[in-house]
Amino acid sequence: MIRLYDQDLRGRARWPFHGWKVYFLCELHDEDAGPFQASEVDAVAFFAEDDLPELSMRTPAEQLAHAFAHARDPARPADFD
């Protein structure tokens, strides 16, 4: 685990339930990423940091910047809200 975000600290209106976003640094052992079986995913792809597609509002660019920083330096300590 490289980052734990408390969604209630993100400057958005409070929801009637609490949410956390957790990022993990993983290693790919099989270069074939498909087929992927999940109801909310229709495709899988890998992107370089400077070649990301348009991001969902649920995944802010600064959160991904932290993830890429951890990928460049695996010894970096985990971040917690």
Protein backbone atom coordinates (compact mmCIF):
# COMPACT_ATOMS: atom_id res chain seq x y z
CA MET A 1 0.00 0.00 0.00
CA ILE A 2 1.48 3.33 -1.06
CA ARG A 3 -1.33 5.78 -0.31
CA LEU A 4 -4.54 5.97 1.70
CA TYR A 5 -6.90 8.87 0.93
CA ASP A 6 -9.75 9.86 3.24
CA GLN A 7 -12.46 11.02 0.83
CA ASP A 8 -13.97 13.34 3.46
CA LEU A 9 -10.75 15.39 3.46
CA ARG A 10 -10.89 16.07 -0.28
CA GLY A 11 -12.92 19.30 -0.16
CA ARG A 12 -16.16 17.76 -1.39
CA ALA A 13 -19.60 17.68 0.21
CA ARG A 14 -19.95 14.98 2.85
CA TRP A 15 -21.71 11.82 1.77
CA PRO A 16 -24.01 9.78 4.02
CA PHE A 17 -21.28 7.13 4.13
CA HIS A 18 -17.50 7.28 4.55
CA GLY A 19 -15.11 6.50 1.70
CA TRP A 20 -11.44 5.63 1.43
CA LYS A 21 -9.30 5.32 -1.67
CA VAL A 22 -6.33 2.98 -1.39
CA TYR A 23 -3.47 2.80 -3.89
CA PHE A 24 -1.20 -0.24 -4.15
CA LEU A 25 2.11 -0.56 -5.98
CA CYS A 26 2.05 -3.86 -7.84
CA GLU A 27 4.29 -5.79 -10.20
CA LEU A 28 2.99 -7.22 -13.46
CA HIS A 29 4.01 -10.88 -13.75
CA ASP A 30 2.07 -11.74 -16.89
CA GLU A 31 2.28 -9.17 -19.68
CA ASP A 32 -1.07 -10.29 -21.10
CA ALA A 33 -3.59 -8.17 -19.17
CA GLY A 34 -6.74 -9.61 -20.71
CA PRO A 35 -9.37 -10.81 -20.83
CA PHE A 36 -10.56 -8.91 -17.78
CA GLN A 37 -13.71 -10.04 -15.98
CA ALA A 38 -15.49 -7.23 -14.11
CA SER A 39 -18.86 -5.61 -14.58
CA GLU A 40 -17.56 -2.04 -14.27
CA VAL A 41 -14.53 -2.45 -16.60
CA ASP A 42 -14.70 -2.83 -20.36
CA ALA A 43 -10.97 -2.65 -21.17
CA VAL A 44 -7.52 -2.76 -19.59
CA ALA A 45 -4.47 -0.82 -20.74
CA PHE A 46 -1.19 0.47 -19.33
CA PHE A 47 0.03 4.04 -19.85
CA ALA A 48 3.21 5.96 -19.24
CA GLU A 49 2.92 8.91 -16.88
CA ASP A 50 3.26 11.38 -19.76
CA ASP A 51 0.75 9.52 -21.96
CA LEU A 52 -2.31 9.17 -19.70
CA PRO A 53 -5.77 9.41 -21.29
CA GLU A 54 -8.37 11.85 -19.96
CA LEU A 55 -8.94 10.97 -16.32
CA SER A 56 -12.17 10.31 -14.49
CA MET A 57 -13.16 12.94 -11.93
CA ARG A 58 -12.78 10.12 -9.38
CA THR A 59 -9.06 9.89 -10.08
CA PRO A 60 -7.42 13.31 -9.70
CA ALA A 61 -4.10 13.83 -11.48
CA GLU A 62 -2.32 14.66 -8.20
CA GLN A 63 -3.24 11.23 -6.79
CA LEU A 64 -1.73 9.53 -9.83
CA ALA A 65 1.36 11.74 -9.53
CA HIS A 66 1.90 10.27 -6.04
CA ALA A 67 1.53 6.75 -7.44
CA PHE A 68 4.09 7.39 -10.19
CA ALA A 69 6.48 8.91 -7.62
CA HIS A 70 6.24 5.66 -5.64
CA ALA A 71 6.85 3.62 -8.81
CA ARG A 72 10.04 5.63 -9.47
CA ASP A 73 11.17 5.27 -5.82
CA PRO A 74 9.79 2.08 -4.19
CA ALA A 75 11.58 2.99 -0.93
CA ARG A 76 9.40 6.10 -0.58
CA PRO A 77 7.24 5.80 2.58
CA ALA A 78 3.50 5.32 2.27
CA ASP A 79 1.29 8.41 2.53
CA PHE A 80 -1.73 8.55 4.84
CA ASP A 81 -4.41 11.21 5.36
